[in-house]
Amino acid sequence: MKRILIVDDAGTVRMYHRKILESAGFAVEEAVNGIEAIEKSLQRAFDLYIVDVNMPKLDGYGFLRELREQKLAQVPAIMVSTEAESADQSQAYAAGANAYLIKPVKPDELKSLVKLLIGEPR
């Protein structure tokens, strides 16, 4: 079973994304900020990350930059944010994101993008 880590400081957003992904057959774990996400990713491997931009302690950009510097298998990351400017998307890709979605995410869009990025049939 493919494992996904949701990194978001908002509990309602984590729960919403978890429900969508678990209904599609994925195992889901959560982290409330970038620091906790780094700790979890060093303890076990994930197949994909879904990362919020604005979080306390370590934001999504900082988390992805840190993650990409680790000696871990480099797996896809989807940046999810309320920020809709192209500069925000550029910053996400520069930090190591593979895709960028604007909140609120549509369930079908999230599921199909996750399946595409981890190589599962849609």
C-alpha atoms as a PDB file:
ATOM      1  CA  MET A   1       0.000   0.000   0.000  1.00  0.00           C
ATOM      2  CA  LYS A   2       1.359   3.433  -0.967  1.00  0.00           C
ATOM      3  CA  ARG A   3       2.071   5.756   1.966  1.00  0.00           C
ATOM      4  CA  ILE A   4       1.375   9.499   1.880  1.00  0.00           C
ATOM      5  CA  LEU A   5       2.378  12.159   4.419  1.00  0.00           C
ATOM      6  CA  ILE A   6       0.080  15.178   4.707  1.00  0.00           C
ATOM      7  CA  VAL A   7       1.914  18.201   6.121  1.00  0.00           C
ATOM      8  CA  ASP A   8      -0.485  20.972   7.176  1.00  0.00           C
ATOM      9  CA  ASP A   9      -1.014  22.936  10.388  1.00  0.00           C
ATOM     10  CA  ALA A  10      -4.825  23.008   9.916  1.00  0.00           C
ATOM     11  CA  GLY A  11      -6.524  19.920  11.336  1.00  0.00           C
ATOM     12  CA  THR A  12      -9.602  20.346   9.124  1.00  0.00           C
ATOM     13  CA  VAL A  13      -7.448  20.384   5.973  1.00  0.00           C
ATOM     14  CA  ARG A  14      -5.502  17.287   7.079  1.00  0.00           C
ATOM     15  CA  MET A  15      -8.779  15.481   7.796  1.00  0.00           C
ATOM     16  CA  TYR A  16     -10.244  16.506   4.397  1.00  0.00           C
ATOM     17  CA  HIS A  17      -7.168  15.316   2.472  1.00  0.00           C
ATOM     18  CA  ARG A  18      -6.948  12.129   4.578  1.00  0.00           C
ATOM     19  CA  LYS A  19     -10.561  11.225   3.780  1.00  0.00           C
ATOM     20  CA  ILE A  20     -10.009  11.696   0.024  1.00  0.00           C
ATOM     21  CA  LEU A  21      -6.772   9.693  -0.029  1.00  0.00           C
ATOM     22  CA  GLU A  22      -7.878   6.855   2.251  1.00  0.00           C
ATOM     23  CA  SER A  23     -11.023   6.417   0.129  1.00  0.00           C
ATOM     24  CA  ALA A  24      -8.658   5.914  -2.834  1.00  0.00           C
ATOM     25  CA  GLY A  25      -6.802   3.163  -0.951  1.00  0.00           C
ATOM     26  CA  PHE A  26      -3.727   5.012   0.336  1.00  0.00           C
ATOM     27  CA  ALA A  27      -2.186   4.779   3.807  1.00  0.00           C
ATOM     28  CA  VAL A  28      -2.014   8.296   5.269  1.00  0.00           C
ATOM     29  CA  GLU A  29       0.037   9.883   8.034  1.00  0.00           C
ATOM     30  CA  GLU A  30      -0.008  13.482   9.185  1.00  0.00           C
ATOM     31  CA  ALA A  31       2.426  16.138  10.382  1.00  0.00           C
ATOM     32  CA  VAL A  32       1.491  19.598  11.703  1.00  0.00           C
ATOM     33  CA  ASN A  33       4.598  21.426  10.437  1.00  0.00           C
ATOM     34  CA  GLY A  34       7.801  20.971   8.462  1.00  0.00           C
ATOM     35  CA  ILE A  35       9.910  20.000  11.473  1.00  0.00           C
ATOM     36  CA  GLU A  36       7.581  17.122  12.415  1.00  0.00           C
ATOM     37  CA  ALA A  37       7.424  16.097   8.737  1.00  0.00           C
ATOM     38  CA  ILE A  38      11.231  15.896   8.474  1.00  0.00           C
ATOM     39  CA  GLU A  39      11.345  13.765  11.633  1.00  0.00           C
ATOM     40  CA  LYS A  40       8.690  11.387  10.274  1.00  0.00           C
ATOM     41  CA  SER A  41      10.347  11.129   6.849  1.00  0.00           C
ATOM     42  CA  LEU A  42      13.664  10.209   8.485  1.00  0.00           C
ATOM     43  CA  GLN A  43      11.922   7.417  10.455  1.00  0.00           C
ATOM     44  CA  ARG A  44      10.087   5.791   7.548  1.00  0.00           C
ATOM     45  CA  ALA A  45       9.697   6.066   3.797  1.00  0.00           C
ATOM     46  CA  PHE A  46       6.734   7.728   2.115  1.00  0.00           C
ATOM     47  CA  ASP A  47       5.661   7.457  -1.515  1.00  0.00           C
ATOM     48  CA  LEU A  48       4.387  11.042  -1.740  1.00  0.00           C
ATOM     49  CA  TYR A  49       4.082  14.242   0.295  1.00  0.00           C
ATOM     50  CA  ILE A  50       1.200  16.726   0.304  1.00  0.00           C
ATOM     51  CA  VAL A  51       2.563  19.962   1.748  1.00  0.00           C
ATOM     52  CA  ASP A  52       0.946  23.230   2.852  1.00  0.00           C
ATOM     53  CA  VAL A  53       2.948  26.434   2.294  1.00  0.00           C
ATOM     54  CA  ASN A  54       2.153  28.512   5.389  1.00  0.00           C
ATOM     55  CA  MET A  55       2.953  26.669   8.624  1.00  0.00           C
ATOM     56  CA  PRO A  56       4.669  27.606  11.900  1.00  0.00           C
ATOM     57  CA  LYS A  57       8.234  26.475  12.776  1.00  0.00           C
ATOM     58  CA  LEU A  58       9.141  25.360   9.242  1.00  0.00           C
ATOM     59  CA  ASP A  59       6.991  26.292   6.245  1.00  0.00           C
ATOM     60  CA  GLY A  60       6.337  24.135   3.198  1.00  0.00           C
ATOM     61  CA  TYR A  61       9.140  25.661   1.123  1.00  0.00           C
ATOM     62  CA  GLY A  62      11.659  25.095   3.915  1.00  0.00           C
ATOM     63  CA  PHE A  63      10.422  21.541   4.442  1.00  0.00           C
ATOM     64  CA  LEU A  64      10.832  20.653   0.754  1.00  0.00           C
ATOM     65  CA  ARG A  65      14.295  22.214   0.528  1.00  0.00           C
ATOM     66  CA  GLU A  66      15.357  20.275   3.641  1.00  0.00           C
ATOM     67  CA  LEU A  67      13.744  17.057   2.375  1.00  0.00           C
ATOM     68  CA  ARG A  68      15.510  17.322  -0.998  1.00  0.00           C
ATOM     69  CA  GLU A  69      18.878  17.653   0.774  1.00  0.00           C
ATOM     70  CA  GLN A  70      18.391  14.427   2.764  1.00  0.00           C
ATOM     71  CA  LYS A  71      19.874  11.134   1.640  1.00  0.00           C
ATOM     72  CA  LEU A  72      16.404   9.659   1.153  1.00  0.00           C
ATOM     73  CA  ALA A  73      14.620   8.259  -1.870  1.00  0.00           C
ATOM     74  CA  GLN A  74      13.335  11.382  -3.603  1.00  0.00           C
ATOM     75  CA  VAL A  75       9.597  10.936  -4.017  1.00  0.00           C
ATOM     76  CA  PRO A  76       7.022  13.356  -5.427  1.00  0.00           C
ATOM     77  CA  ALA A  77       5.620  16.258  -3.428  1.00  0.00           C
ATOM     78  CA  ILE A  78       2.447  18.228  -4.097  1.00  0.00           C
ATOM     79  CA  MET A  79       2.411  21.766  -2.681  1.00  0.00           C
ATOM     80  CA  VAL A  80      -1.095  22.856  -1.671  1.00  0.00           C
ATOM     81  CA  SER A  81      -1.786  26.492  -0.860  1.00  0.00           C
ATOM     82  CA  THR A  82      -4.300  29.313  -0.853  1.00  0.00           C
ATOM     83  CA  GLU A  83      -1.615  31.388  -2.625  1.00  0.00           C
ATOM     84  CA  ALA A  84      -2.611  31.566  -6.297  1.00  0.00           C
ATOM     85  CA  GLU A  85       0.129  33.845  -7.671  1.00  0.00           C
ATOM     86  CA  SER A  86       2.531  32.446 -10.269  1.00  0.00           C
ATOM     87  CA  ALA A  87       5.451  33.607  -8.071  1.00  0.00           C
ATOM     88  CA  ASP A  88       4.211  31.270  -5.317  1.00  0.00           C
ATOM     89  CA  GLN A  89       4.109  28.373  -7.767  1.00  0.00           C
ATOM     90  CA  SER A  90       7.607  29.204  -9.015  1.00  0.00           C
ATOM     91  CA  GLN A  91       8.899  29.264  -5.445  1.00  0.00           C
ATOM     92  CA  ALA A  92       7.250  25.875  -4.770  1.00  0.00           C
ATOM     93  CA  TYR A  93       8.882  24.281  -7.822  1.00  0.00           C
ATOM     94  CA  ALA A  94      12.245  25.835  -6.919  1.00  0.00           C
ATOM     95  CA  ALA A  95      11.949  24.300  -3.432  1.00  0.00           C
ATOM     96  CA  GLY A  96      11.340  20.838  -4.925  1.00  0.00           C
ATOM     97  CA  ALA A  97       7.589  20.474  -5.508  1.00  0.00           C
ATOM     98  CA  ASN A  98       6.418  18.305  -8.411  1.00  0.00           C
ATOM     99  CA  ALA A  99       2.928  19.839  -8.573  1.00  0.00           C
ATOM    100  CA  TYR A 100       1.017  22.803  -7.148  1.00  0.00           C
ATOM    101  CA  LEU A 101      -2.681  22.858  -6.230  1.00  0.00           C
ATOM    102  CA  ILE A 102      -4.799  25.764  -4.980  1.00  0.00           C
ATOM    103  CA  LYS A 103      -6.998  25.216  -1.897  1.00  0.00           C
ATOM    104  CA  PRO A 104      -9.687  24.059  -1.638  1.00  0.00           C
ATOM    105  CA  VAL A 105      -8.574  21.024  -3.620  1.00  0.00           C
ATOM    106  CA  LYS A 106     -11.167  19.121  -5.639  1.00  0.00           C
ATOM    107  CA  PRO A 107     -11.207  15.438  -4.532  1.00  0.00           C
ATOM    108  CA  ASP A 108     -11.010  13.978  -8.066  1.00  0.00           C
ATOM    109  CA  GLU A 109      -8.187  16.346  -9.009  1.00  0.00           C
ATOM    110  CA  LEU A 110      -6.178  15.358  -5.913  1.00  0.00           C
ATOM    111  CA  LYS A 111      -6.728  11.613  -6.430  1.00  0.00           C
ATOM    112  CA  SER A 112      -5.800  11.626 -10.114  1.00  0.00           C
ATOM    113  CA  LEU A 113      -2.691  13.775  -9.549  1.00  0.00           C
ATOM    114  CA  VAL A 114      -1.512  11.524  -6.694  1.00  0.00           C
ATOM    115  CA  LYS A 115      -2.014   8.414  -8.832  1.00  0.00           C
ATOM    116  CA  LEU A 116      -0.174  10.020 -11.745  1.00  0.00           C
ATOM    117  CA  LEU A 117       2.800  11.045  -9.590  1.00  0.00           C
ATOM    118  CA  ILE A 118       3.223   7.675  -7.897  1.00  0.00           C
ATOM    119  CA  GLY A 119       2.623   5.661 -11.054  1.00  0.00           C
ATOM    120  CA  GLU A 120      -0.687   4.002 -10.208  1.00  0.00           C
ATOM    121  CA  PRO A 121      -3.406   3.423 -12.797  1.00  0.00           C
ATOM    122  CA  ARG A 122      -6.069   6.100 -12.734  1.00  0.00           C
END
